Amino acid sequence: MPGRSIEFSLDDELEALRNSPEWLTGIARKKQIQYPDFQMTLRRMKPNTRIPEHFNPGRICVQTLFGHIRMHADGRTFDLPRGRCLALDRAVIHDVEAVEES
């Protein structure tokens, strides 16, 4: 990523995901920021879609910008409507389901 800063509109980026060819699959994503020690990915999910179990080698923070998702991790279900955040430690197996468009 060139330069030392990046600026973008989350609303514009989320709308672009809705207009992307990937949206036809029900889940569209875009890496907004990619550094060796940090990345930010936006995802947009249609209702009743699911990202199957997986893990990240690093820590993650998931924030619901709109809609409603649920995540399953560590034997628990985390309910994440708009405005909620969940942080997971390294290598925690989890999945994500969209309760509504999110």
PDB file of N, CA and C in Angstrom:
ATOM      1  N   MET A   1       0.843  -1.159   0.000  1.00  0.00           N
ATOM      2  CA  MET A   1       0.000   0.000   0.000  1.00  0.00           C
ATOM      3  C   MET A   1       0.898   1.234   0.000  1.00  0.00           C
ATOM      4  N   PRO A   2       0.803   2.056  -1.014  1.00  0.00           N
ATOM      5  CA  PRO A   2       1.678   3.231  -1.092  1.00  0.00           C
ATOM      6  C   PRO A   2       1.287   4.294  -0.073  1.00  0.00           C
ATOM      7  N   GLY A   3       2.259   5.067   0.331  1.00  0.00           N
ATOM      8  CA  GLY A   3       1.994   6.172   1.235  1.00  0.00           C
ATOM      9  C   GLY A   3       1.839   5.740   2.678  1.00  0.00           C
ATOM     10  N   ARG A   4       1.620   6.725   3.536  1.00  0.00           N
ATOM     11  CA  ARG A   4       1.515   6.458   4.961  1.00  0.00           C
ATOM     12  C   ARG A   4       0.106   6.616   5.484  1.00  0.00           C
ATOM     13  N   SER A   5      -0.827   6.936   4.610  1.00  0.00           N
ATOM     14  CA  SER A   5      -2.213   7.091   5.053  1.00  0.00           C
ATOM     15  C   SER A   5      -3.161   6.706   3.928  1.00  0.00           C
ATOM     16  N   ILE A   6      -4.380   6.387   4.310  1.00  0.00           N
ATOM     17  CA  ILE A   6      -5.423   6.059   3.335  1.00  0.00           C
ATOM     18  C   ILE A   6      -6.742   6.573   3.897  1.00  0.00           C
ATOM     19  N   GLU A   7      -7.564   7.085   3.014  1.00  0.00           N
ATOM     20  CA  GLU A   7      -8.858   7.619   3.410  1.00  0.00           C
ATOM     21  C   GLU A   7      -9.902   7.133   2.415  1.00  0.00           C
ATOM     22  N   PHE A   8     -11.058   6.740   2.923  1.00  0.00           N
ATOM     23  CA  PHE A   8     -12.146   6.299   2.046  1.00  0.00           C
ATOM     24  C   PHE A   8     -13.461   6.412   2.791  1.00  0.00           C
ATOM     25  N   SER A   9     -14.537   6.340   2.053  1.00  0.00           N
ATOM     26  CA  SER A   9     -15.886   6.392   2.610  1.00  0.00           C
ATOM     27  C   SER A   9     -16.416   4.973   2.762  1.00  0.00           C
ATOM     28  N   LEU A  10     -16.738   4.561   3.981  1.00  0.00           N
ATOM     29  CA  LEU A  10     -17.315   3.234   4.189  1.00  0.00           C
ATOM     30  C   LEU A  10     -18.632   3.083   3.438  1.00  0.00           C
ATOM     31  N   ASP A  11     -19.460   4.120   3.444  1.00  0.00           N
ATOM     32  CA  ASP A  11     -20.739   4.050   2.725  1.00  0.00           C
ATOM     33  C   ASP A  11     -20.518   3.798   1.239  1.00  0.00           C
ATOM     34  N   ASP A  12     -19.580   4.528   0.639  1.00  0.00           N
ATOM     35  CA  ASP A  12     -19.295   4.336  -0.789  1.00  0.00           C
ATOM     36  C   ASP A  12     -18.742   2.944  -1.063  1.00  0.00           C
ATOM     37  N   GLU A  13     -17.851   2.471  -0.212  1.00  0.00           N
ATOM     38  CA  GLU A  13     -17.254   1.151  -0.413  1.00  0.00           C
ATOM     39  C   GLU A  13     -18.292   0.035  -0.246  1.00  0.00           C
ATOM     40  N   LEU A  14     -19.182   0.179   0.728  1.00  0.00           N
ATOM     41  CA  LEU A  14     -20.237  -0.828   0.919  1.00  0.00           C
ATOM     42  C   LEU A  14     -21.195  -0.844  -0.252  1.00  0.00           C
ATOM     43  N   GLU A  15     -21.503   0.309  -0.801  1.00  0.00           N
ATOM     44  CA  GLU A  15     -22.380   0.364  -1.981  1.00  0.00           C
ATOM     45  C   GLU A  15     -21.687  -0.276  -3.184  1.00  0.00           C
ATOM     46  N   ALA A  16     -20.398  -0.040  -3.329  1.00  0.00           N
ATOM     47  CA  ALA A  16     -19.646  -0.662  -4.425  1.00  0.00           C
ATOM     48  C   ALA A  16     -19.682  -2.182  -4.311  1.00  0.00           C
ATOM     49  N   LEU A  17     -19.613  -2.707  -3.083  1.00  0.00           N
ATOM     50  CA  LEU A  17     -19.710  -4.166  -2.907  1.00  0.00           C
ATOM     51  C   LEU A  17     -21.069  -4.678  -3.395  1.00  0.00           C
ATOM     52  N   ARG A  18     -22.113  -3.917  -3.125  1.00  0.00           N
ATOM     53  CA  ARG A  18     -23.464  -4.333  -3.549  1.00  0.00           C
ATOM     54  C   ARG A  18     -23.591  -4.336  -5.065  1.00  0.00           C
ATOM     55  N   ASN A  19     -22.787  -3.555  -5.735  1.00  0.00           N
ATOM     56  CA  ASN A  19     -22.821  -3.473  -7.196  1.00  0.00           C
ATOM     57  C   ASN A  19     -21.759  -4.337  -7.868  1.00  0.00           C
ATOM     58  N   SER A  20     -21.016  -5.105  -7.086  1.00  0.00           N
ATOM     59  CA  SER A  20     -19.942  -5.929  -7.650  1.00  0.00           C
ATOM     60  C   SER A  20     -20.495  -7.259  -8.174  1.00  0.00           C
ATOM     61  N   PRO A  21     -19.816  -7.870  -9.138  1.00  0.00           N
ATOM     62  CA  PRO A  21     -20.237  -9.190  -9.628  1.00  0.00           C
ATOM     63  C   PRO A  21     -20.245 -10.245  -8.520  1.00  0.00           C
ATOM     64  N   GLU A  22     -19.360 -10.103  -7.558  1.00  0.00           N
ATOM     65  CA  GLU A  22     -19.261 -11.045  -6.442  1.00  0.00           C
ATOM     66  C   GLU A  22     -20.550 -11.075  -5.610  1.00  0.00           C
ATOM     67  N   TRP A  23     -21.313  -9.980  -5.627  1.00  0.00           N
ATOM     68  CA  TRP A  23     -22.550  -9.879  -4.855  1.00  0.00           C
ATOM     69  C   TRP A  23     -23.558 -10.952  -5.279  1.00  0.00           C
ATOM     70  N   LEU A  24     -23.485 -11.393  -6.517  1.00  0.00           N
ATOM     71  CA  LEU A  24     -24.398 -12.441  -6.994  1.00  0.00           C
ATOM     72  C   LEU A  24     -24.249 -13.735  -6.207  1.00  0.00           C
ATOM     73  N   THR A  25     -23.076 -13.974  -5.627  1.00  0.00           N
ATOM     74  CA  THR A  25     -22.855 -15.183  -4.823  1.00  0.00           C
ATOM     75  C   THR A  25     -23.470 -15.059  -3.433  1.00  0.00           C
ATOM     76  N   GLY A  26     -23.802 -13.827  -3.037  1.00  0.00           N
ATOM     77  CA  GLY A  26     -24.384 -13.599  -1.717  1.00  0.00           C
ATOM     78  C   GLY A  26     -23.418 -13.010  -0.721  1.00  0.00           C
ATOM     79  N   ILE A  27     -22.119 -13.073  -1.022  1.00  0.00           N
ATOM     80  CA  ILE A  27     -21.107 -12.502  -0.136  1.00  0.00           C
ATOM     81  C   ILE A  27     -20.052 -11.811  -0.999  1.00  0.00           C
ATOM     82  N   ALA A  28     -19.934 -10.507  -0.817  1.00  0.00           N
ATOM     83  CA  ALA A  28     -18.921  -9.740  -1.545  1.00  0.00           C
ATOM     84  C   ALA A  28     -17.923  -9.203  -0.532  1.00  0.00           C
ATOM     85  N   ARG A  29     -16.653  -9.115  -0.940  1.00  0.00           N
ATOM     86  CA  ARG A  29     -15.646  -8.605  -0.014  1.00  0.00           C
ATOM     87  C   ARG A  29     -14.590  -7.824  -0.763  1.00  0.00           C
ATOM     88  N   LYS A  30     -13.927  -6.945   0.001  1.00  0.00           N
ATOM     89  CA  LYS A  30     -12.824  -6.170  -0.553  1.00  0.00           C
ATOM     90  C   LYS A  30     -11.849  -5.854   0.571  1.00  0.00           C
ATOM     91  N   LYS A  31     -10.576  -6.139   0.328  1.00  0.00           N
ATOM     92  CA  LYS A  31      -9.536  -5.723   1.270  1.00  0.00           C
ATOM     93  C   LYS A  31      -9.312  -4.240   1.058  1.00  0.00           C
ATOM     94  N   GLN A  32      -9.617  -3.465   2.064  1.00  0.00           N
ATOM     95  CA  GLN A  32      -9.452  -2.024   1.987  1.00  0.00           C
ATOM     96  C   GLN A  32      -8.022  -1.612   2.317  1.00  0.00           C
ATOM     97  N   ILE A  33      -7.428  -2.295   3.284  1.00  0.00           N
ATOM     98  CA  ILE A  33      -6.083  -1.963   3.746  1.00  0.00           C
ATOM     99  C   ILE A  33      -5.301  -3.259   3.881  1.00  0.00           C
ATOM    100  N   GLN A  34      -4.064  -3.266   3.397  1.00  0.00           N
ATOM    101  CA  GLN A  34      -3.229  -4.463   3.495  1.00  0.00           C
ATOM    102  C   GLN A  34      -1.796  -4.057   3.799  1.00  0.00           C
ATOM    103  N   TYR A  35      -1.396  -4.263   5.034  1.00  0.00           N
ATOM    104  CA  TYR A  35      -0.023  -4.069   5.480  1.00  0.00           C
ATOM    105  C   TYR A  35       0.455  -5.408   6.042  1.00  0.00           C
ATOM    106  N   PRO A  36       1.756  -5.602   6.218  1.00  0.00           N
ATOM    107  CA  PRO A  36       2.231  -6.865   6.771  1.00  0.00           C
ATOM    108  C   PRO A  36       1.651  -7.188   8.159  1.00  0.00           C
ATOM    109  N   ASP A  37       1.373  -6.163   8.956  1.00  0.00           N
ATOM    110  CA  ASP A  37       0.902  -6.403  10.319  1.00  0.00           C
ATOM    111  C   ASP A  37      -0.540  -5.947  10.574  1.00  0.00           C
ATOM    112  N   PHE A  38      -1.269  -5.577   9.511  1.00  0.00           N
ATOM    113  CA  PHE A  38      -2.643  -5.098   9.688  1.00  0.00           C
ATOM    114  C   PHE A  38      -3.389  -5.182   8.367  1.00  0.00           C
ATOM    115  N   GLN A  39      -4.633  -5.628   8.443  1.00  0.00           N
ATOM    116  CA  GLN A  39      -5.477  -5.555   7.255  1.00  0.00           C
ATOM    117  C   GLN A  39      -6.903  -5.227   7.672  1.00  0.00           C
ATOM    118  N   MET A  40      -7.633  -4.630   6.754  1.00  0.00           N
ATOM    119  CA  MET A  40      -9.046  -4.331   6.967  1.00  0.00           C
ATOM    120  C   MET A  40      -9.800  -4.812   5.742  1.00  0.00           C
ATOM    121  N   THR A  41     -10.792  -5.664   5.980  1.00  0.00           N
ATOM    122  CA  THR A  41     -11.602  -6.205   4.906  1.00  0.00           C
ATOM    123  C   THR A  41     -13.057  -5.863   5.160  1.00  0.00           C
ATOM    124  N   LEU A  42     -13.723  -5.358   4.137  1.00  0.00           N
ATOM    125  CA  LEU A  42     -15.163  -5.134   4.205  1.00  0.00           C
ATOM    126  C   LEU A  42     -15.861  -6.309   3.538  1.00  0.00           C
ATOM    127  N   ARG A  43     -16.945  -6.760   4.161  1.00  0.00           N
ATOM    128  CA  ARG A  43     -17.770  -7.811   3.577  1.00  0.00           C
ATOM    129  C   ARG A  43     -19.207  -7.354   3.608  1.00  0.00           C
ATOM    130  N   ARG A  44     -19.938  -7.739   2.582  1.00  0.00           N
ATOM    131  CA  ARG A  44     -21.375  -7.486   2.537  1.00  0.00           C
ATOM    132  C   ARG A  44     -22.024  -8.838   2.265  1.00  0.00           C
ATOM    133  N   MET A  45     -23.030  -9.179   3.085  1.00  0.00           N
ATOM    134  CA  MET A  45     -23.657 -10.497   3.002  1.00  0.00           C
ATOM    135  C   MET A  45     -25.158 -10.366   2.815  1.00  0.00           C
ATOM    136  N   LYS A  46     -25.697 -11.192   1.934  1.00  0.00           N
ATOM    137  CA  LYS A  46     -27.146 -11.274   1.778  1.00  0.00           C
ATOM    138  C   LYS A  46     -27.729 -12.043   2.959  1.00  0.00           C
ATOM    139  N   PRO A  47     -29.022 -11.852   3.242  1.00  0.00           N
ATOM    140  CA  PRO A  47     -29.639 -12.582   4.353  1.00  0.00           C
ATOM    141  C   PRO A  47     -29.485 -14.094   4.172  1.00  0.00           C
ATOM    142  N   ASN A  48     -29.318 -14.788   5.268  1.00  0.00           N
ATOM    143  CA  ASN A  48     -29.244 -16.258   5.304  1.00  0.00           C
ATOM    144  C   ASN A  48     -28.035 -16.827   4.569  1.00  0.00           C
ATOM    145  N   THR A  49     -26.988 -16.022   4.375  1.00  0.00           N
ATOM    146  CA  THR A  49     -25.748 -16.567   3.824  1.00  0.00           C
ATOM    147  C   THR A  49     -24.801 -16.843   4.985  1.00  0.00           C
ATOM    148  N   ARG A  50     -23.820 -17.684   4.711  1.00  0.00           N
ATOM    149  CA  ARG A  50     -22.921 -18.116   5.783  1.00  0.00           C
ATOM    150  C   ARG A  50     -21.490 -18.212   5.256  1.00  0.00           C
ATOM    151  N   ILE A  51     -20.561 -17.755   6.071  1.00  0.00           N
ATOM    152  CA  ILE A  51     -19.147 -17.989   5.833  1.00  0.00           C
ATOM    153  C   ILE A  51     -18.791 -19.171   6.728  1.00  0.00           C
ATOM    154  N   PRO A  52     -18.397 -20.306   6.140  1.00  0.00           N
ATOM    155  CA  PRO A  52     -18.158 -21.503   6.953  1.00  0.00           C
ATOM    156  C   PRO A  52     -16.979 -21.347   7.915  1.00  0.00           C
ATOM    157  N   GLU A  53     -16.865 -22.311   8.808  1.00  0.00           N
ATOM    158  CA  GLU A  53     -15.794 -22.277   9.813  1.00  0.00           C
ATOM    159  C   GLU A  53     -14.435 -22.059   9.167  1.00  0.00           C
ATOM    160  N   HIS A  54     -13.667 -21.190   9.802  1.00  0.00           N
ATOM    161  CA  HIS A  54     -12.311 -20.879   9.364  1.00  0.00           C
ATOM    162  C   HIS A  54     -11.608 -20.198  10.539  1.00  0.00           C
ATOM    163  N   PHE A  55     -10.357 -19.842  10.355  1.00  0.00           N
ATOM    164  CA  PHE A  55      -9.646 -19.088  11.385  1.00  0.00           C
ATOM    165  C   PHE A  55      -8.654 -18.159  10.715  1.00  0.00           C
ATOM    166  N   ASN A  56      -8.244 -17.153  11.448  1.00  0.00           N
ATOM    167  CA  ASN A  56      -7.192 -16.235  11.026  1.00  0.00           C
ATOM    168  C   ASN A  56      -5.979 -16.479  11.908  1.00  0.00           C
ATOM    169  N   PRO A  57      -4.787 -16.422  11.355  1.00  0.00           N
ATOM    170  CA  PRO A  57      -3.607 -16.608  12.194  1.00  0.00           C
ATOM    171  C   PRO A  57      -3.411 -15.453  13.180  1.00  0.00           C
ATOM    172  N   GLY A  58      -3.939 -14.284  12.864  1.00  0.00           N
ATOM    173  CA  GLY A  58      -3.821 -13.133  13.762  1.00  0.00           C
ATOM    174  C   GLY A  58      -5.125 -12.853  14.484  1.00  0.00           C
ATOM    175  N   ARG A  59      -5.090 -11.886  15.351  1.00  0.00           N
ATOM    176  CA  ARG A  59      -6.306 -11.455  16.052  1.00  0.00           C
ATOM    177  C   ARG A  59      -7.222 -10.731  15.070  1.00  0.00           C
ATOM    178  N   ILE A  60      -8.524 -10.799  15.328  1.00  0.00           N
ATOM    179  CA  ILE A  60      -9.475 -10.100  14.473  1.00  0.00           C
ATOM    180  C   ILE A  60     -10.467  -9.311  15.324  1.00  0.00           C
ATOM    181  N   CYS A  61     -11.015  -8.293  14.702  1.00  0.00           N
ATOM    182  CA  CYS A  61     -12.124  -7.546  15.287  1.00  0.00           C
ATOM    183  C   CYS A  61     -13.185  -7.436  14.206  1.00  0.00           C
ATOM    184  N   VAL A  62     -14.390  -7.858  14.523  1.00  0.00           N
ATOM    185  CA  VAL A  62     -15.512  -7.808  13.592  1.00  0.00           C
ATOM    186  C   VAL A  62     -16.489  -6.771  14.111  1.00  0.00           C
ATOM    187  N   GLN A  63     -16.872  -5.849  13.235  1.00  0.00           N
ATOM    188  CA  GLN A  63     -17.854  -4.819  13.594  1.00  0.00           C
ATOM    189  C   GLN A  63     -18.978  -4.862  12.577  1.00  0.00           C
ATOM    190  N   THR A  64     -20.209  -4.888  13.060  1.00  0.00           N
ATOM    191  CA  THR A  64     -21.371  -4.866  12.177  1.00  0.00           C
ATOM    192  C   THR A  64     -21.723  -3.410  11.899  1.00  0.00           C
ATOM    193  N   LEU A  65     -21.512  -2.985  10.647  1.00  0.00           N
ATOM    194  CA  LEU A  65     -21.786  -1.602  10.272  1.00  0.00           C
ATOM    195  C   LEU A  65     -23.271  -1.370  10.018  1.00  0.00           C
ATOM    196  N   PHE A  66     -23.956  -2.398   9.519  1.00  0.00           N
ATOM    197  CA  PHE A  66     -25.404  -2.354   9.346  1.00  0.00           C
ATOM    198  C   PHE A  66     -25.895  -3.790   9.298  1.00  0.00           C
ATOM    199  N   GLY A  67     -27.182  -3.985   9.512  1.00  0.00           N
ATOM    200  CA  GLY A  67     -27.742  -5.332   9.464  1.00  0.00           C
ATOM    201  C   GLY A  67     -27.559  -6.070  10.775  1.00  0.00           C
ATOM    202  N   HIS A  68     -27.389  -7.396  10.653  1.00  0.00           N
ATOM    203  CA  HIS A  68     -27.343  -8.256  11.845  1.00  0.00           C
ATOM    204  C   HIS A  68     -26.648  -9.557  11.462  1.00  0.00           C
ATOM    205  N   ILE A  69     -25.582  -9.899  12.165  1.00  0.00           N
ATOM    206  CA  ILE A  69     -24.897 -11.171  11.947  1.00  0.00           C
ATOM    207  C   ILE A  69     -24.806 -11.930  13.262  1.00  0.00           C
ATOM    208  N   ARG A  70     -24.513 -13.221  13.130  1.00  0.00           N
ATOM    209  CA  ARG A  70     -24.175 -14.061  14.278  1.00  0.00           C
ATOM    210  C   ARG A  70     -22.863 -14.754  13.961  1.00  0.00           C
ATOM    211  N   MET A  71     -22.045 -14.874  15.009  1.00  0.00           N
ATOM    212  CA  MET A  71     -20.801 -15.619  14.867  1.00  0.00           C
ATOM    213  C   MET A  71     -20.776 -16.705  15.916  1.00  0.00           C
ATOM    214  N   HIS A  72     -20.235 -17.842  15.540  1.00  0.00           N
ATOM    215  CA  HIS A  72     -20.074 -18.970  16.452  1.00  0.00           C
ATOM    216  C   HIS A  72     -18.577 -19.174  16.630  1.00  0.00           C
ATOM    217  N   ALA A  73     -18.133 -19.148  17.904  1.00  0.00           N
ATOM    218  CA  ALA A  73     -16.715 -19.302  18.222  1.00  0.00           C
ATOM    219  C   ALA A  73     -16.596 -19.734  19.672  1.00  0.00           C
ATOM    220  N   ASP A  74     -15.604 -20.556  19.955  1.00  0.00           N
ATOM    221  CA  ASP A  74     -15.336 -20.981  21.340  1.00  0.00           C
ATOM    222  C   ASP A  74     -16.565 -21.601  22.002  1.00  0.00           C
ATOM    223  N   GLY A  75     -17.393 -22.303  21.224  1.00  0.00           N
ATOM    224  CA  GLY A  75     -18.577 -22.949  21.790  1.00  0.00           C
ATOM    225  C   GLY A  75     -19.693 -21.987  22.163  1.00  0.00           C
ATOM    226  N   ARG A  76     -19.590 -20.749  21.698  1.00  0.00           N
ATOM    227  CA  ARG A  76     -20.606 -19.742  22.000  1.00  0.00           C
ATOM    228  C   ARG A  76     -21.185 -19.160  20.729  1.00  0.00           C
ATOM    229  N   THR A  77     -22.361 -18.565  20.847  1.00  0.00           N
ATOM    230  CA  THR A  77     -22.962 -17.804  19.768  1.00  0.00           C
ATOM    231  C   THR A  77     -22.928 -16.341  20.162  1.00  0.00           C
ATOM    232  N   PHE A  78     -22.379 -15.508  19.286  1.00  0.00           N
ATOM    233  CA  PHE A  78     -22.296 -14.077  19.517  1.00  0.00           C
ATOM    234  C   PHE A  78     -23.282 -13.386  18.583  1.00  0.00           C
ATOM    235  N   ASP A  79     -24.237 -12.670  19.160  1.00  0.00           N
ATOM    236  CA  ASP A  79     -25.255 -11.944  18.416  1.00  0.00           C
ATOM    237  C   ASP A  79     -24.726 -10.534  18.163  1.00  0.00           C
ATOM    238  N   LEU A  80     -24.598 -10.157  16.890  1.00  0.00           N
ATOM    239  CA  LEU A  80     -23.961  -8.884  16.540  1.00  0.00           C
ATOM    240  C   LEU A  80     -24.853  -8.041  15.628  1.00  0.00           C
ATOM    241  N   PRO A  81     -25.859  -7.384  16.190  1.00  0.00           N
ATOM    242  CA  PRO A  81     -26.628  -6.433  15.377  1.00  0.00           C
ATOM    243  C   PRO A  81     -25.779  -5.192  15.095  1.00  0.00           C
ATOM    244  N   ARG A  82     -26.309  -4.271  14.308  1.00  0.00           N
ATOM    245  CA  ARG A  82     -25.598  -3.046  13.925  1.00  0.00           C
ATOM    246  C   ARG A  82     -24.977  -2.373  15.151  1.00  0.00           C
ATOM    247  N   GLY A  83     -23.709  -1.993  14.995  1.00  0.00           N
ATOM    248  CA  GLY A  83     -23.015  -1.270  16.042  1.00  0.00           C
ATOM    249  C   GLY A  83     -22.264  -2.139  17.037  1.00  0.00           C
ATOM    250  N   ARG A  84     -22.407  -3.467  16.967  1.00  0.00           N
ATOM    251  CA  ARG A  84     -21.710  -4.363  17.906  1.00  0.00           C
ATOM    252  C   ARG A  84     -20.365  -4.785  17.328  1.00  0.00           C
ATOM    253  N   CYS A  85     -19.427  -5.093  18.226  1.00  0.00           N
ATOM    254  CA  CYS A  85     -18.094  -5.559  17.851  1.00  0.00           C
ATOM    255  C   CYS A  85     -17.765  -6.842  18.605  1.00  0.00           C
ATOM    256  N   LEU A  86     -16.948  -7.657  17.995  1.00  0.00           N
ATOM    257  CA  LEU A  86     -16.426  -8.862  18.632  1.00  0.00           C
ATOM    258  C   LEU A  86     -14.958  -8.980  18.266  1.00  0.00           C
ATOM    259  N   ALA A  87     -14.106  -9.179  19.246  1.00  0.00           N
ATOM    260  CA  ALA A  87     -12.683  -9.421  19.015  1.00  0.00           C
ATOM    261  C   ALA A  87     -12.385 -10.873  19.365  1.00  0.00           C
ATOM    262  N   LEU A  88     -11.605 -11.525  18.512  1.00  0.00           N
ATOM    263  CA  LEU A  88     -11.195 -12.912  18.740  1.00  0.00           C
ATOM    264  C   LEU A  88      -9.678 -12.995  18.729  1.00  0.00           C
ATOM    265  N   ASP A  89      -9.137 -13.827  19.588  1.00  0.00           N
ATOM    266  CA  ASP A  89      -7.694 -14.027  19.649  1.00  0.00           C
ATOM    267  C   ASP A  89      -7.226 -14.795  18.418  1.00  0.00           C
ATOM    268  N   ARG A  90      -5.950 -14.971  18.318  1.00  0.00           N
ATOM    269  CA  ARG A  90      -5.346 -15.687  17.186  1.00  0.00           C
ATOM    270  C   ARG A  90      -5.916 -17.098  17.048  1.00  0.00           C
ATOM    271  N   ALA A  91      -6.145 -17.491  15.794  1.00  0.00           N
ATOM    272  CA  ALA A  91      -6.478 -18.869  15.421  1.00  0.00           C
ATOM    273  C   ALA A  91      -7.746 -19.418  16.072  1.00  0.00           C
ATOM    274  N   VAL A  92      -8.690 -18.560  16.427  1.00  0.00           N
ATOM    275  CA  VAL A  92      -9.968 -19.033  16.966  1.00  0.00           C
ATOM    276  C   VAL A  92     -10.862 -19.425  15.796  1.00  0.00           C
ATOM    277  N   ILE A  93     -11.293 -20.669  15.774  1.00  0.00           N
ATOM    278  CA  ILE A  93     -12.180 -21.144  14.709  1.00  0.00           C
ATOM    279  C   ILE A  93     -13.547 -20.497  14.902  1.00  0.00           C
ATOM    280  N   HIS A  94     -14.086 -19.964  13.806  1.00  0.00           N
ATOM    281  CA  HIS A  94     -15.370 -19.273  13.874  1.00  0.00           C
ATOM    282  C   HIS A  94     -16.078 -19.363  12.525  1.00  0.00           C
ATOM    283  N   ASP A  95     -17.371 -19.108  12.552  1.00  0.00           N
ATOM    284  CA  ASP A  95     -18.132 -18.942  11.317  1.00  0.00           C
ATOM    285  C   ASP A  95     -18.974 -17.678  11.463  1.00  0.00           C
ATOM    286  N   VAL A  96     -19.583 -17.263  10.352  1.00  0.00           N
ATOM    287  CA  VAL A  96     -20.385 -16.036  10.334  1.00  0.00           C
ATOM    288  C   VAL A  96     -21.663 -16.329   9.563  1.00  0.00           C
ATOM    289  N   GLU A  97     -22.805 -15.921  10.105  1.00  0.00           N
ATOM    290  CA  GLU A  97     -24.058 -16.039   9.363  1.00  0.00           C
ATOM    291  C   GLU A  97     -24.764 -14.700   9.371  1.00  0.00           C
ATOM    292  N   ALA A  98     -25.358 -14.353   8.242  1.00  0.00           N
ATOM    293  CA  ALA A  98     -26.104 -13.098   8.126  1.00  0.00           C
ATOM    294  C   ALA A  98     -27.568 -13.364   8.449  1.00  0.00           C
ATOM    295  N   VAL A  99     -28.053 -12.751   9.504  1.00  0.00           N
ATOM    296  CA  VAL A  99     -29.454 -12.847   9.874  1.00  0.00           C
ATOM    297  C   VAL A  99     -30.290 -12.014   8.916  1.00  0.00           C
ATOM    298  N   GLU A 100     -29.737 -10.879   8.513  1.00  0.00           N
ATOM    299  CA  GLU A 100     -30.334 -10.011   7.509  1.00  0.00           C
ATOM    300  C   GLU A 100     -29.204  -9.444   6.676  1.00  0.00           C
ATOM    301  N   GLU A 101     -29.500  -8.690   5.629  1.00  0.00           N
ATOM    302  CA  GLU A 101     -28.420  -8.121   4.839  1.00  0.00           C
ATOM    303  C   GLU A 101     -27.509  -7.319   5.752  1.00  0.00           C
ATOM    304  N   SER A 102     -26.238  -7.595   5.654  1.00  0.00           N
ATOM    305  CA  SER A 102     -25.279  -7.035   6.611  1.00  0.00           C
ATOM    306  C   SER A 102     -23.980  -6.687   5.904  1.00  0.00           C
TER     307      SER A 102
END
